[in-house]
Amino acid sequence: MPMILKPVPPLQGALWVRDGFRLFGRYPLAFSVMFAAFLFVALLSALVPLVGALLMLGSLPLLSLGFMVATESALNNGPVHPGHFINPLKADPGRRKSLLVLCALYGAATVLIMVISDWVDGGTFEQLQKLMAGSGKQAEIDAIMADPAFAWGLFVRFGLAALLGLVFWHAPALIHWGHQGVGQALFSSALAVWTSRGAFAVYGLVWTGIVLVFGAVTALLFGVLGTPNIAGLVALPAALIFSTVFYVSLLFTFNDSFGGTGQVLREA
């Protein structure tokens, strides 16, 4: 796969989402099984104190790469299965080492962002999570959300997370298909996302719109039917499907940025 950086027009971001849904529609069960398999492993990892959480965070680059490998296979009418998560680690020792180093860096960077954000907000974000998960009073929740430290913490948390995503977005694929080293892959990824920032902005806006519209429609529908509680039950499988489609769409962002097989589905 040639690694030629290309600028992507803004409206292409909407096509990435469309193509993700189209390909998911061809392999809905297979892609869903892949995502469910990852969630199962993540839940098992969470049972291991500290180390499990670190492994789960560090494995996210392999999650995205595994889905990209599976998406490429699907575009070529090949199989889609959880084994694609392991396939990149079967590459030559150099690429395998680079992928593992990338995963370690991602996990460490994520933990650092969490630590910095908790320091900025004074732990209010964690308090809000506990209140919302338990039986916290609405007054306590409102007090936390009105705290300026909480707002600054959210700004830092999501701002740093966005920067992390920018740097790591294409990096696993650049190591796997482009045979780039860790440093070069991170630089190339950041440069590609910045070069096509309009397309990625549209991509993010489309996903946000889909989630908001789906939430509003389901709430309105079940509200009219007099069963508002069912809307919450529908939200969980919908979130799983949207998350799966998001990962399916990642290869299209890479192909349009660096060249590849992304046009196959659009020409089909």
Protein backbone atom coordinates (compact mmCIF):
# COMPACT_ATOMS: atom_id res chain seq x y z
CA MET A 1 0.00 0.00 0.00
CA PRO A 2 1.66 3.28 -1.12
CA MET A 3 2.08 5.84 1.65
CA ILE A 4 1.42 9.09 -0.21
CA LEU A 5 -0.06 11.84 1.93
CA LYS A 6 -3.01 13.48 0.21
CA PRO A 7 -5.25 16.37 1.34
CA VAL A 8 -8.87 15.30 1.69
CA PRO A 9 -11.79 17.67 0.90
CA PRO A 10 -14.06 18.44 3.89
CA LEU A 11 -17.19 16.70 2.55
CA GLN A 12 -15.26 13.44 2.34
CA GLY A 13 -15.68 13.21 6.11
CA ALA A 14 -19.38 12.52 5.64
CA LEU A 15 -18.58 9.77 3.11
CA TRP A 16 -16.35 8.05 5.66
CA VAL A 17 -19.34 7.65 7.94
CA ARG A 18 -21.58 6.55 5.06
CA ASP A 19 -19.09 3.95 3.88
CA GLY A 20 -18.70 2.65 7.43
CA PHE A 21 -22.45 2.04 7.66
CA ARG A 22 -22.58 0.50 4.19
CA LEU A 23 -19.82 -1.98 4.89
CA PHE A 24 -21.21 -2.79 8.33
CA GLY A 25 -24.52 -3.53 6.61
CA ARG A 26 -22.79 -6.21 4.56
CA TYR A 27 -21.18 -7.89 7.59
CA PRO A 28 -23.30 -6.81 10.60
CA LEU A 29 -22.91 -9.99 12.62
CA ALA A 30 -19.20 -10.47 11.95
CA PHE A 31 -18.22 -6.91 12.86
CA SER A 32 -20.49 -6.99 15.91
CA VAL A 33 -18.83 -10.21 17.09
CA MET A 34 -15.44 -8.53 16.73
CA PHE A 35 -16.48 -5.60 18.90
CA ALA A 36 -18.18 -7.89 21.42
CA ALA A 37 -15.00 -9.99 21.64
CA PHE A 38 -12.96 -6.90 22.44
CA LEU A 39 -15.44 -5.80 25.10
CA PHE A 40 -15.33 -9.27 26.66
CA VAL A 41 -11.53 -9.21 26.86
CA ALA A 42 -11.68 -5.65 28.23
CA LEU A 43 -14.10 -6.74 30.97
CA LEU A 44 -11.81 -9.63 31.90
CA SER A 45 -8.85 -7.25 32.00
CA ALA A 46 -10.76 -4.92 34.31
CA LEU A 47 -10.91 -7.71 36.88
CA VAL A 48 -7.12 -7.54 37.26
CA PRO A 49 -6.28 -4.62 39.58
CA LEU A 50 -4.29 -1.75 38.01
CA VAL A 51 -2.46 -3.89 35.42
CA GLY A 52 -5.69 -4.87 33.71
CA ALA A 53 -6.78 -1.26 33.25
CA LEU A 54 -3.37 -0.32 31.85
CA LEU A 55 -3.45 -3.22 29.40
CA MET A 56 -6.94 -2.25 28.28
CA LEU A 57 -5.90 1.37 27.64
CA GLY A 58 -2.76 0.29 25.84
CA SER A 59 -4.64 -2.13 23.60
CA LEU A 60 -6.79 0.56 21.95
CA PRO A 61 -4.36 1.11 19.02
CA LEU A 62 -4.56 -2.64 18.33
CA LEU A 63 -8.34 -2.41 18.48
CA SER A 64 -8.42 0.23 15.76
CA LEU A 65 -5.81 -1.58 13.65
CA GLY A 66 -7.63 -4.91 14.01
CA PHE A 67 -10.81 -3.33 12.69
CA MET A 68 -8.89 -1.75 9.83
CA VAL A 69 -7.43 -5.12 8.86
CA ALA A 70 -10.89 -6.66 9.06
CA THR A 71 -12.36 -3.84 6.97
CA GLU A 72 -9.71 -4.34 4.30
CA SER A 73 -10.53 -8.05 4.28
CA ALA A 74 -14.26 -7.29 3.92
CA LEU A 75 -13.60 -4.88 1.03
CA ASN A 76 -11.81 -7.74 -0.71
CA ASN A 77 -14.70 -10.13 0.06
CA GLY A 78 -12.63 -11.90 2.69
CA PRO A 79 -13.60 -13.10 6.18
CA VAL A 80 -14.19 -10.88 9.21
CA HIS A 81 -13.39 -12.36 12.62
CA PRO A 82 -11.70 -11.47 15.97
CA GLY A 83 -8.47 -13.07 14.78
CA HIS A 84 -7.76 -9.84 12.91
CA PHE A 85 -6.84 -8.26 16.25
CA ILE A 86 -3.90 -10.67 16.47
CA ASN A 87 -2.84 -10.67 12.83
CA PRO A 88 -0.76 -7.43 13.03
CA LEU A 89 1.32 -8.98 15.83
CA LYS A 90 2.25 -11.84 13.50
CA ALA A 91 4.21 -9.45 11.29
CA ASP A 92 8.00 -9.22 11.23
CA PRO A 93 9.71 -8.56 14.59
CA GLY A 94 10.42 -4.92 13.74
CA ARG A 95 6.80 -4.00 13.09
CA ARG A 96 5.59 -6.07 16.04
CA LYS A 97 7.98 -4.26 18.36
CA SER A 98 6.91 -0.87 16.98
CA LEU A 99 3.22 -1.70 17.52
CA LEU A 100 3.85 -2.79 21.10
CA VAL A 101 5.86 0.37 21.80
CA LEU A 102 3.04 2.43 20.28
CA CYS A 103 0.51 0.70 22.54
CA ALA A 104 2.67 1.36 25.59
CA LEU A 105 3.01 5.03 24.67
CA TYR A 106 -0.72 5.37 24.14
CA GLY A 107 -1.52 3.79 27.47
CA ALA A 108 1.01 5.96 29.29
CA ALA A 109 -0.23 9.12 27.56
CA THR A 110 -3.85 8.31 28.44
CA VAL A 111 -2.99 7.79 32.09
CA LEU A 112 -1.07 11.08 32.09
CA ILE A 113 -4.09 12.90 30.64
CA MET A 114 -6.30 11.42 33.35
CA VAL A 115 -3.88 12.50 36.08
CA ILE A 116 -3.57 16.04 34.73
CA SER A 117 -7.33 16.37 34.27
CA ASP A 118 -8.06 15.11 37.78
CA TRP A 119 -5.55 17.61 39.15
CA VAL A 120 -7.20 20.46 37.23
CA ASP A 121 -10.77 19.63 38.27
CA GLY A 122 -9.86 18.58 41.82
CA GLY A 123 -11.53 15.20 41.38
CA THR A 124 -14.97 16.64 40.57
CA PHE A 125 -15.29 14.55 37.40
CA GLU A 126 -14.79 11.35 39.38
CA GLN A 127 -17.27 12.55 42.00
CA LEU A 128 -19.86 13.21 39.29
CA GLN A 129 -19.40 9.71 37.88
CA LYS A 130 -19.98 8.18 41.30
CA LEU A 131 -23.07 10.31 41.93
CA MET A 132 -24.58 9.47 38.55
CA ALA A 133 -23.80 5.77 38.94
CA GLY A 134 -25.32 5.69 42.42
CA SER A 135 -28.26 7.47 43.95
CA GLY A 136 -26.77 10.93 44.13
CA LYS A 137 -29.10 13.83 44.74
CA GLN A 138 -29.78 16.16 41.83
CA ALA A 139 -28.65 19.13 43.93
CA GLU A 140 -25.21 17.54 44.42
CA ILE A 141 -24.91 16.82 40.71
CA ASP A 142 -25.92 20.40 39.82
CA ALA A 143 -23.39 21.79 42.29
CA ILE A 144 -20.53 19.85 40.68
CA MET A 145 -21.53 20.84 37.16
CA ALA A 146 -21.65 24.49 38.22
CA ASP A 147 -18.13 24.32 39.66
CA PRO A 148 -15.64 26.23 37.42
CA ALA A 149 -12.98 23.63 38.22
CA PHE A 150 -15.21 20.95 36.68
CA ALA A 151 -15.58 22.99 33.47
CA TRP A 152 -11.81 23.56 33.23
CA GLY A 153 -11.23 19.87 33.87
CA LEU A 154 -13.55 18.91 31.02
CA PHE A 155 -11.80 21.37 28.71
CA VAL A 156 -8.38 19.95 29.57
CA ARG A 157 -9.59 16.33 29.46
CA PHE A 158 -11.21 16.53 26.04
CA GLY A 159 -8.62 18.92 24.62
CA LEU A 160 -5.71 16.65 25.49
CA ALA A 161 -7.68 13.59 24.35
CA ALA A 162 -8.25 15.27 20.96
CA LEU A 163 -4.54 16.01 20.62
CA LEU A 164 -3.74 12.41 21.51
CA GLY A 165 -6.19 11.17 18.90
CA LEU A 166 -4.67 13.45 16.28
CA VAL A 167 -1.19 12.06 16.85
CA PHE A 168 -2.18 8.39 17.11
CA TRP A 169 -5.06 8.26 14.58
CA HIS A 170 -3.18 6.76 11.62
CA ALA A 171 -0.09 5.61 13.50
CA PRO A 172 -0.98 1.87 13.89
CA ALA A 173 -1.84 1.60 10.18
CA LEU A 174 1.33 3.46 9.15
CA ILE A 175 3.41 0.98 11.14
CA HIS A 176 1.49 -2.04 9.83
CA TRP A 177 1.18 -1.14 6.14
CA GLY A 178 3.75 1.62 5.78
CA HIS A 179 6.55 -0.11 7.76
CA GLN A 180 7.22 3.20 9.51
CA GLY A 181 8.90 3.50 12.88
CA VAL A 182 7.01 4.77 15.91
CA GLY A 183 8.27 8.35 15.73
CA GLN A 184 7.72 8.66 11.98
CA ALA A 185 4.24 7.12 12.24
CA LEU A 186 3.18 9.54 14.97
CA PHE A 187 4.49 12.53 13.01
CA SER A 188 2.87 11.36 9.75
CA SER A 189 -0.43 10.75 11.53
CA ALA A 190 -0.50 14.21 13.08
CA LEU A 191 0.43 15.81 9.76
CA ALA A 192 -2.26 13.87 7.86
CA VAL A 193 -5.04 14.73 10.31
CA TRP A 194 -4.03 18.39 10.36
CA THR A 195 -3.78 18.54 6.56
CA SER A 196 -7.33 17.14 6.26
CA ARG A 197 -8.71 18.82 9.37
CA GLY A 198 -11.81 19.99 7.48
CA ALA A 199 -12.74 16.41 6.59
CA PHE A 200 -12.16 15.24 10.15
CA ALA A 201 -14.25 18.12 11.49
CA VAL A 202 -17.13 17.08 9.22
CA TYR A 203 -16.57 13.46 10.23
CA GLY A 204 -16.90 14.37 13.89
CA LEU A 205 -19.91 16.61 13.29
CA VAL A 206 -21.74 13.88 11.36
CA TRP A 207 -21.17 11.37 14.14
CA THR A 208 -22.34 13.89 16.72
CA GLY A 209 -25.44 14.61 14.65
CA ILE A 210 -26.26 10.91 14.27
CA VAL A 211 -26.06 10.32 18.02
CA LEU A 212 -28.08 13.42 18.91
CA VAL A 213 -30.79 12.78 16.30
CA PHE A 214 -31.10 9.14 17.29
CA GLY A 215 -31.40 10.09 20.95
CA ALA A 216 -34.02 12.75 20.24
CA VAL A 217 -36.08 10.52 17.94
CA THR A 218 -36.12 7.54 20.29
CA ALA A 219 -36.96 9.73 23.29
CA LEU A 220 -39.81 11.36 21.36
CA LEU A 221 -41.10 8.08 19.94
CA PHE A 222 -41.20 6.16 23.20
CA GLY A 223 -42.46 9.25 25.01
CA VAL A 224 -45.45 9.38 22.65
CA LEU A 225 -46.01 5.64 23.16
CA GLY A 226 -45.96 6.20 26.92
CA THR A 227 -42.93 3.96 27.49
CA PRO A 228 -40.01 6.40 28.02
CA ASN A 229 -38.02 3.84 30.00
CA ILE A 230 -37.62 1.68 26.89
CA ALA A 231 -35.61 4.47 25.24
CA GLY A 232 -32.78 3.76 27.68
CA LEU A 233 -32.88 0.06 26.78
CA VAL A 234 -32.66 0.88 23.08
CA ALA A 235 -29.74 3.26 23.65
CA LEU A 236 -27.33 0.49 24.72
CA PRO A 237 -27.47 -1.69 21.57
CA ALA A 238 -27.51 1.46 19.45
CA ALA A 239 -24.34 2.68 21.17
CA LEU A 240 -22.67 -0.68 20.49
CA ILE A 241 -23.66 -0.54 16.82
CA PHE A 242 -22.49 3.06 16.42
CA SER A 243 -19.19 2.23 18.12
CA THR A 244 -18.68 -0.74 15.80
CA VAL A 245 -19.47 1.30 12.69
CA PHE A 246 -17.05 3.99 13.88
CA TYR A 247 -14.21 1.47 13.97
CA VAL A 248 -15.27 0.07 10.59
CA SER A 249 -15.02 3.56 9.11
CA LEU A 250 -11.42 4.08 10.24
CA LEU A 251 -9.87 2.40 7.21
CA PHE A 252 -11.66 4.84 4.91
CA THR A 253 -10.05 7.77 6.71
CA PHE A 254 -6.66 6.14 6.24
CA ASN A 255 -7.15 5.15 2.60
CA ASP A 256 -8.20 8.63 1.55
CA SER A 257 -5.30 10.19 3.44
CA PHE A 258 -2.58 7.84 2.19
CA GLY A 259 -4.03 5.86 -0.73
CA GLY A 260 -5.26 2.27 -0.69
CA THR A 261 -8.37 0.19 -1.24
CA GLY A 262 -10.99 2.57 0.12
CA GLN A 263 -12.53 3.24 -3.30
CA VAL A 264 -13.60 -0.39 -3.76
CA LEU A 265 -16.82 -0.02 -1.79
CA ARG A 266 -17.74 3.29 -3.42
CA GLU A 267 -17.32 1.83 -6.91
CA ALA A 268 -19.23 -1.36 -6.06
